[in-house]
Protein backbone atom coordinates (compact mmCIF):
# COMPACT_ATOMS: atom_id res chain seq x y z
CA MET A 1 -27.10 0.37 -17.90
CA LEU A 2 -28.54 3.88 -17.62
CA GLY A 3 -26.59 6.81 -16.23
CA LYS A 4 -28.43 6.87 -12.89
CA GLU A 5 -27.96 3.13 -12.52
CA ARG A 6 -24.22 3.47 -13.18
CA ILE A 7 -23.95 6.22 -10.57
CA LEU A 8 -25.64 4.03 -7.97
CA PHE A 9 -23.44 1.11 -8.98
CA LEU A 10 -20.27 3.18 -8.57
CA LEU A 11 -21.32 4.51 -5.16
CA ASN A 12 -22.29 1.03 -3.96
CA ARG A 13 -18.97 -0.39 -5.14
CA LEU A 14 -17.06 2.40 -3.41
CA GLU A 15 -18.98 1.78 -0.19
CA GLN A 16 -18.11 -1.90 -0.45
CA ASP A 17 -14.47 -1.76 -1.62
CA ASN A 18 -13.41 1.77 -0.63
CA ILE A 19 -11.65 2.29 -3.98
CA ILE A 20 -12.50 1.62 -7.62
CA ASN A 21 -10.37 1.35 -10.74
CA VAL A 22 -11.65 2.83 -14.01
CA LYS A 23 -10.29 0.04 -16.20
CA ASP A 24 -11.73 -2.72 -14.01
CA ILE A 25 -15.18 -1.10 -13.78
CA ALA A 26 -15.32 -0.38 -17.51
CA LYS A 27 -14.48 -3.99 -18.27
CA GLU A 28 -17.01 -5.28 -15.75
CA LEU A 29 -19.83 -3.11 -17.13
CA GLN A 30 -18.65 -3.52 -20.74
CA ILE A 31 -18.65 0.20 -21.42
CA SER A 32 -15.92 2.69 -22.30
CA GLU A 33 -13.45 4.05 -19.77
CA ALA A 34 -14.41 7.54 -20.93
CA THR A 35 -17.99 6.94 -19.77
CA ILE A 36 -16.82 5.87 -16.32
CA ARG A 37 -14.55 8.91 -16.09
CA ARG A 38 -17.48 11.22 -16.93
CA ASP A 39 -19.56 9.57 -14.20
CA LEU A 40 -16.73 9.99 -11.71
CA THR A 41 -16.27 13.62 -12.70
CA GLU A 42 -19.96 14.24 -11.99
CA LEU A 43 -19.75 12.49 -8.62
CA GLU A 44 -16.69 14.54 -7.73
CA LYS A 45 -18.56 17.76 -8.56
CA GLN A 46 -21.27 16.60 -6.15
CA GLY A 47 -18.62 16.14 -3.48
CA LYS A 48 -19.31 12.43 -3.10
CA ILE A 49 -15.97 11.05 -4.29
CA LYS A 50 -12.34 12.00 -4.68
CA ARG A 51 -10.58 11.26 -7.96
CA VAL A 52 -7.22 9.50 -7.73
CA HIS A 53 -4.94 8.31 -10.50
CA GLY A 54 -6.76 5.56 -12.37
CA GLY A 55 -9.91 5.59 -10.27
CA ALA A 56 -11.67 7.09 -7.26
CA ILE A 57 -12.19 6.86 -3.51
CA LEU A 58 -14.95 8.14 -1.25
CA ALA A 59 -14.69 11.86 -0.56
CA ASP A 60 -14.83 11.65 3.23
CA ALA A 61 -11.20 11.99 4.32
CA ASN A 62 -12.12 10.73 7.77
CA GLN A 63 -13.52 7.42 6.65
CA ILE A 64 -12.13 4.40 8.40
CA ILE A 65 -10.71 1.57 6.33
CA SER A 66 -11.73 -1.42 8.41
CA GLU A 67 -10.70 -4.98 7.75
CA GLN A 68 -14.20 -5.71 6.49
CA ARG A 69 -14.00 -2.93 3.90
CA GLU A 70 -10.47 -3.58 2.67
CA VAL A 71 -10.31 -4.81 -0.91
CA GLN A 72 -9.16 -8.41 -1.09
CA MET A 73 -5.41 -8.79 -1.60
CA LYS A 74 -5.53 -10.09 -5.16
CA GLU A 75 -7.78 -7.21 -6.18
CA ARG A 76 -5.64 -4.68 -4.33
CA PHE A 77 -2.52 -5.97 -6.09
CA ARG A 78 -4.04 -4.96 -9.44
CA ILE A 79 -5.18 -1.53 -8.29
CA HIS A 80 -2.59 1.16 -9.08
CA TYR A 81 -0.12 -1.59 -10.00
CA GLU A 82 1.90 0.56 -12.42
CA GLU A 83 2.20 3.31 -9.81
CA LYS A 84 3.30 0.81 -7.15
CA LYS A 85 5.84 -0.68 -9.54
CA HIS A 86 7.22 2.76 -10.38
CA VAL A 87 7.56 3.68 -6.70
CA ALA A 88 9.15 0.31 -5.92
CA THR A 89 11.79 0.84 -8.62
CA HIS A 90 13.03 4.03 -6.99
CA ALA A 91 12.93 2.59 -3.47
CA SER A 92 14.89 -0.48 -4.57
CA ASP A 93 17.72 1.71 -5.85
CA LEU A 94 18.61 2.55 -2.24
CA VAL A 95 19.58 -1.03 -1.37
CA LYS A 96 23.31 -1.77 -1.45
CA ASP A 97 25.02 -5.15 -1.83
CA GLY A 98 25.63 -6.92 1.46
CA GLU A 99 22.74 -5.25 3.28
CA CYS A 100 19.98 -6.86 5.32
CA ILE A 101 16.53 -5.42 4.65
CA PHE A 102 12.95 -5.95 5.80
CA LEU A 103 10.08 -6.00 3.30
CA ASP A 104 6.71 -5.38 4.92
CA GLY A 105 3.35 -6.93 4.11
CA GLY A 106 0.92 -5.35 1.67
CA THR A 107 0.78 -4.92 -2.08
CA SER A 108 2.84 -1.72 -2.34
CA ILE A 109 5.99 -3.58 -1.29
CA VAL A 110 5.59 -6.65 -3.53
CA PRO A 111 7.04 -5.17 -6.78
CA MET A 112 10.35 -4.50 -5.00
CA ILE A 113 11.20 -8.20 -5.04
CA ASP A 114 11.53 -8.17 -8.84
CA TYR A 115 14.44 -5.75 -8.49
CA LEU A 116 16.02 -7.30 -5.40
CA LYS A 117 15.72 -11.08 -5.70
CA ASP A 118 19.00 -11.50 -7.59
CA ARG A 119 21.03 -9.08 -5.49
CA ASN A 120 23.72 -10.06 -2.97
CA ILE A 121 21.56 -9.14 0.03
CA ARG A 122 19.50 -10.65 2.84
CA ILE A 123 15.74 -10.14 2.76
CA VAL A 124 13.51 -10.72 5.79
CA THR A 125 9.76 -10.70 5.22
CA HIS A 126 6.41 -11.98 6.43
CA ASN A 127 4.76 -11.12 3.10
CA HIS A 128 3.69 -14.30 1.31
CA LEU A 129 2.82 -12.42 -1.86
CA ILE A 130 6.56 -11.82 -2.11
CA ILE A 131 7.39 -15.45 -1.40
CA SER A 132 5.01 -16.59 -4.15
CA LYS A 133 7.06 -14.65 -6.73
CA LEU A 134 10.33 -16.43 -5.91
CA THR A 135 11.79 -19.50 -7.60
CA ASN A 136 15.56 -19.58 -7.23
CA PRO A 137 16.63 -16.17 -5.91
CA ARG A 138 20.26 -15.20 -5.48
CA ALA A 139 19.33 -13.16 -2.42
CA GLN A 140 19.02 -14.95 0.91
CA VAL A 141 15.35 -14.79 1.87
CA ILE A 142 14.31 -15.34 5.49
CA VAL A 143 10.59 -15.90 6.04
CA ILE A 144 9.12 -14.89 9.39
CA GLY A 145 6.88 -17.57 10.87
CA GLY A 146 3.71 -17.07 12.87
CA ASP A 147 -0.05 -17.20 12.43
CA TYR A 148 -0.90 -17.10 8.74
CA ASN A 149 -3.50 -14.48 7.82
CA SER A 150 -4.91 -15.71 4.50
CA LYS A 151 -6.87 -12.51 3.88
CA TYR A 152 -3.69 -10.43 3.82
CA ALA A 153 -1.27 -13.20 2.79
CA MET A 154 1.14 -12.60 5.67
CA THR A 155 2.21 -14.08 8.99
CA VAL A 156 1.34 -12.20 12.16
CA GLY A 157 1.03 -12.70 15.91
CA SER A 158 3.36 -13.06 18.88
CA LEU A 159 5.66 -15.60 17.20
CA ALA A 160 6.14 -13.29 14.21
CA ASN A 161 6.75 -10.30 16.50
CA ASN A 162 9.26 -12.15 18.70
CA THR A 163 11.14 -13.53 15.70
CA LEU A 164 11.33 -10.18 13.93
CA ALA A 165 12.64 -8.52 17.09
CA GLN A 166 15.82 -10.63 16.85
CA PHE A 167 16.94 -8.99 13.60
CA GLN A 168 18.73 -5.73 12.89
CA PHE A 169 18.22 -4.14 9.48
CA ASP A 170 20.08 -1.69 7.32
CA ARG A 171 16.76 -0.64 5.79
CA CYS A 172 13.09 -1.44 6.13
CA PHE A 173 10.41 -0.74 3.54
CA ILE A 174 6.95 -0.32 5.02
CA GLY A 175 3.46 -0.25 3.52
CA CYS A 176 0.31 1.25 5.01
CA ALA A 177 -3.44 1.66 4.55
CA GLY A 178 -3.21 5.43 4.39
CA ILE A 179 -1.66 8.62 5.72
CA ASP A 180 -3.17 11.76 7.20
CA VAL A 181 -0.93 14.71 6.36
CA GLU A 182 -2.77 17.07 8.72
CA GLU A 183 -2.47 14.69 11.67
CA ASN A 184 1.02 13.70 10.48
CA TYR A 185 0.37 9.97 10.96
CA SER A 186 0.46 6.72 9.04
CA TYR A 187 -2.30 4.13 9.46
CA THR A 188 -2.72 0.40 9.13
CA SER A 189 -6.01 -1.39 8.56
CA GLU A 190 -4.86 -4.57 10.34
CA ALA A 191 -4.25 -4.20 14.08
CA GLU A 192 -2.22 -7.42 13.98
CA THR A 193 0.50 -5.84 11.82
CA ARG A 194 0.94 -2.64 13.83
CA GLU A 195 3.51 -4.17 16.18
CA LEU A 196 5.42 -5.82 13.32
CA LYS A 197 5.78 -2.51 11.52
CA ASN A 198 6.93 -0.73 14.66
CA ILE A 199 9.50 -3.43 15.47
CA ALA A 200 10.94 -3.27 11.96
CA ILE A 201 11.20 0.52 12.08
CA HIS A 202 12.81 0.46 15.53
CA ASN A 203 15.38 -2.14 14.44
CA SER A 204 16.36 -0.40 11.18
CA LYS A 205 19.02 2.19 10.46
CA HIS A 206 16.83 3.63 7.71
CA ALA A 207 13.03 3.37 7.43
CA TYR A 208 11.00 4.13 4.31
CA LEU A 209 7.28 4.28 3.58
CA LEU A 210 5.94 3.32 0.14
CA ILE A 211 2.53 4.58 -0.97
CA ASP A 212 0.63 5.55 -4.09
CA GLU A 213 -1.33 8.78 -4.19
CA SER A 214 -4.64 7.08 -3.35
CA LYS A 215 -3.34 6.57 0.21
CA ILE A 216 -3.00 10.31 0.86
CA GLY A 217 -5.83 11.56 3.08
CA MET A 218 -6.92 8.05 4.06
CA ARG A 219 -7.11 6.72 7.60
CA GLY A 220 -6.90 3.12 8.68
CA PHE A 221 -8.03 1.19 11.71
CA CYS A 222 -5.11 2.29 13.88
CA LYS A 223 -2.11 4.61 13.84
CA PHE A 224 1.37 3.14 13.85
CA GLN A 225 3.98 5.87 13.25
CA PRO A 226 4.18 9.65 12.76
CA LEU A 227 5.28 10.55 9.24
CA GLU A 228 8.60 12.00 10.42
CA SER A 229 9.60 8.49 11.56
CA PHE A 230 10.40 7.73 7.94
CA GLU A 231 13.58 8.97 6.32
CA THR A 232 11.75 9.08 2.99
CA ILE A 233 8.14 8.56 1.92
CA PHE A 234 8.04 7.44 -1.71
CA CYS A 235 4.93 8.32 -3.71
CA ASN A 236 3.90 8.81 -7.32
CA GLN A 237 2.87 12.27 -8.52
CA PRO A 238 -0.53 13.29 -7.05
CA GLU A 239 -3.03 14.55 -9.60
CA LYS A 240 -4.02 17.46 -7.36
CA GLU A 241 -1.75 19.95 -5.65
CA ILE A 242 -1.26 19.23 -1.96
CA VAL A 243 1.22 20.40 0.64
CA LEU A 244 3.31 17.41 1.67
CA PRO A 245 5.95 16.92 4.39
CA ASP A 246 9.60 17.54 3.52
CA ASN A 247 10.45 13.83 3.65
CA PHE A 248 8.15 13.06 0.69
CA GLN A 249 9.92 12.04 -2.50
CA ILE A 250 7.65 12.25 -5.53
CA VAL A 251 8.80 9.82 -8.22
């Protein structure tokens, strides 16, 4: 594939999936990762993309991540997996024995279960990616029922909302589609989960947001909480310098 063809391919893939991963694209095109990085560097110079750790996103900070443009869950789980795992490790350290916690939907929260499943705690979740990783956990796991959304592998709807509202949590760990530091808001790409997130935050003594750096500067379909609603926002080290709120913890 010629250079111009690769550039068009990368832009088309970004338009379709909103984010690309260097390793995945290099494997798909059967070329070196260094070649893809050079192409991305050129596109960034042209102002068309924004480089993030391990890949790239479209440069327009105001783009909307709609449900139609969200990367499928299995693909999203692979993107920035090491960063998500690293962030999850630090967030999991906050949980104390005997506590009741809520684990939100989305791929950023999933790695936490590896560190929490054998703890003496109660875990409430509607995230079926988490459930799929369990065999015989020591922790008590309570699964929220409701309408199953196969695209996002979670239960949603009025039954899920009403059930979740009955619980009180020591801590909740929330995922999101993106955050806008200038507007000071977090976003979700699924309107159905907005109420679930807000209920969990309202019913928790401590609320935390887990993101990787690719979520910074991204907007989703709808707002759900101002950034100061979270005691701590866990994130891996951004490649570029950016002024972040005081409640950010870079890990």
